[in-house]
Protein backbone atom coordinates (compact mmCIF):
# COMPACT_ATOMS: atom_id res chain seq x y z
CA MET A 1 -0.02 0.01 -0.01
CA ASN A 2 1.41 3.26 -0.97
CA ARG A 3 1.74 6.37 1.28
CA GLN A 4 -1.14 8.30 -0.21
CA SER A 5 -3.53 5.20 0.02
CA ASN A 6 -2.59 4.58 3.58
CA GLU A 7 -3.45 8.23 4.40
CA GLY A 8 -6.71 7.90 2.60
CA LEU A 9 -7.41 4.85 4.49
CA LYS A 10 -6.68 6.53 7.67
CA LEU A 11 -9.24 9.31 6.90
CA VAL A 12 -11.77 6.71 5.96
CA ARG A 13 -11.08 5.00 9.39
CA ALA A 14 -11.39 8.33 11.24
CA ASP A 15 -14.85 9.08 9.29
CA LEU A 16 -16.05 5.51 10.37
CA GLY A 17 -15.31 6.04 13.90
CA GLY A 18 -17.01 9.46 13.89
CA ARG A 19 -19.93 7.91 12.45
CA LEU A 20 -20.00 5.07 15.12
CA ASP A 21 -19.49 7.73 17.92
CA ALA A 22 -22.66 9.54 16.55
CA LEU A 23 -24.70 6.51 16.27
CA GLU A 24 -23.56 5.58 19.95
CA ALA A 25 -24.47 9.03 20.99
CA SER A 26 -27.94 8.89 19.21
CA LEU A 27 -28.71 5.37 20.74
CA ALA A 28 -28.05 6.74 24.33
CA LYS A 29 -30.53 9.66 23.51
CA ARG A 30 -33.23 8.16 21.37
CA GLY A 31 -32.74 4.29 21.46
CA PRO A 32 -32.52 2.01 18.50
CA ILE A 33 -35.48 3.52 16.36
CA GLY A 34 -34.28 5.03 13.17
CA MET A 35 -30.52 4.07 14.03
CA ALA A 36 -30.31 1.47 11.33
CA GLY A 37 -29.98 4.11 8.59
CA GLN A 38 -26.77 5.28 10.47
CA ALA A 39 -25.33 1.79 10.62
CA ALA A 40 -26.15 1.33 6.91
CA GLY A 41 -24.15 4.52 6.12
CA ILE A 42 -21.14 2.88 7.96
CA ALA A 43 -21.75 -0.46 6.02
CA VAL A 44 -21.70 1.35 2.85
CA LEU A 45 -18.64 3.50 3.44
CA ALA A 46 -16.70 0.31 4.61
CA ALA A 47 -17.81 -1.67 1.47
CA ASP A 48 -16.71 1.13 -0.61
CA TYR A 49 -13.08 1.04 0.75
CA GLY A 50 -12.92 -2.79 0.97
CA LEU A 51 -13.21 -3.06 4.82
CA VAL A 52 -15.10 -6.13 4.96
CA PRO A 53 -15.09 -6.76 8.81
CA VAL A 54 -16.34 -3.34 9.36
CA GLN A 55 -19.06 -4.04 6.75
CA ARG A 56 -20.14 -7.23 7.93
CA LEU A 57 -20.30 -5.95 11.58
CA ALA A 58 -22.44 -3.06 10.39
CA GLU A 59 -24.75 -5.16 8.61
CA GLY A 60 -25.08 -7.24 11.79
CA LEU A 61 -25.83 -4.03 13.87
CA ILE A 62 -28.48 -3.15 11.30
CA VAL A 63 -30.30 -6.56 11.97
CA ALA A 64 -29.94 -6.02 15.76
CA LEU A 65 -31.33 -2.50 15.56
CA ASP A 66 -34.14 -3.51 13.28
CA ALA A 67 -35.09 -6.23 15.96
CA GLY A 68 -35.38 -3.49 18.39
CA GLY A 69 -32.14 -4.46 20.20
CA ARG A 70 -30.99 -2.37 23.27
CA GLY A 71 -28.12 -2.49 25.57
CA ALA A 72 -26.76 -5.89 25.89
CA ALA A 73 -27.99 -6.61 22.49
CA ILE A 74 -26.19 -3.78 20.81
CA GLY A 75 -23.17 -3.31 23.02
CA PRO A 76 -21.15 -6.11 21.46
CA TRP A 77 -21.79 -5.01 17.91
CA ILE A 78 -20.56 -1.49 18.60
CA GLU A 79 -17.58 -2.71 20.64
CA ARG A 80 -16.40 -4.87 17.92
CA LEU A 81 -17.22 -2.36 15.25
CA ARG A 82 -14.87 0.02 17.04
CA ASP A 83 -12.11 -2.62 17.25
CA ALA A 84 -12.71 -3.69 13.35
CA ILE A 85 -12.40 0.05 12.27
CA ASP A 86 -8.86 0.18 13.83
CA SER A 87 -7.76 -3.35 12.63
CA ASP A 88 -5.64 -3.97 9.62
CA ALA A 89 -7.55 -7.22 8.94
CA ILE A 90 -9.75 -6.55 6.08
CA ASP A 91 -10.67 -9.58 4.21
CA GLU A 92 -13.66 -11.95 4.17
CA GLN A 93 -12.25 -14.39 6.67
CA ALA A 94 -11.65 -11.49 9.15
CA GLY A 95 -15.11 -10.43 8.66
CA ILE A 96 -16.29 -14.03 9.63
CA SER A 97 -14.16 -14.05 12.63
CA TRP A 98 -15.37 -10.70 13.86
CA LEU A 99 -18.93 -11.68 13.63
CA ALA A 100 -18.26 -14.93 15.54
CA SER A 101 -16.77 -13.06 18.30
CA VAL A 102 -19.99 -10.98 18.63
CA TRP A 103 -22.14 -14.07 18.49
CA VAL A 104 -19.89 -15.66 21.42
CA ARG A 105 -20.27 -12.72 23.43
CA LEU A 106 -24.05 -12.53 22.87
CA ALA A 107 -24.46 -16.18 23.84
CA GLY A 108 -22.49 -15.99 26.90
């Protein structure tokens, strides 16, 4: 990866982190209703830049939000999304691993 694309990816990751912060703040104020659109924005941006784990986790968060999830049902999605945004792992296998880690947390 060249320096220019590395810098661009840093900006994308910063944008994703900001979007996740905004989503989390909105959840605290208003609950899950209407938040799936914000999660979808994260998923689309991640897909545009090939950040598969972030995309997959955001898609999982959308499902959890659409199911009316709160607190314990949403927390692991947000935690892992934050971790995935900062991770260098970007392929499909990493996405599957990140999803599995959420399901383990939710099952426990």
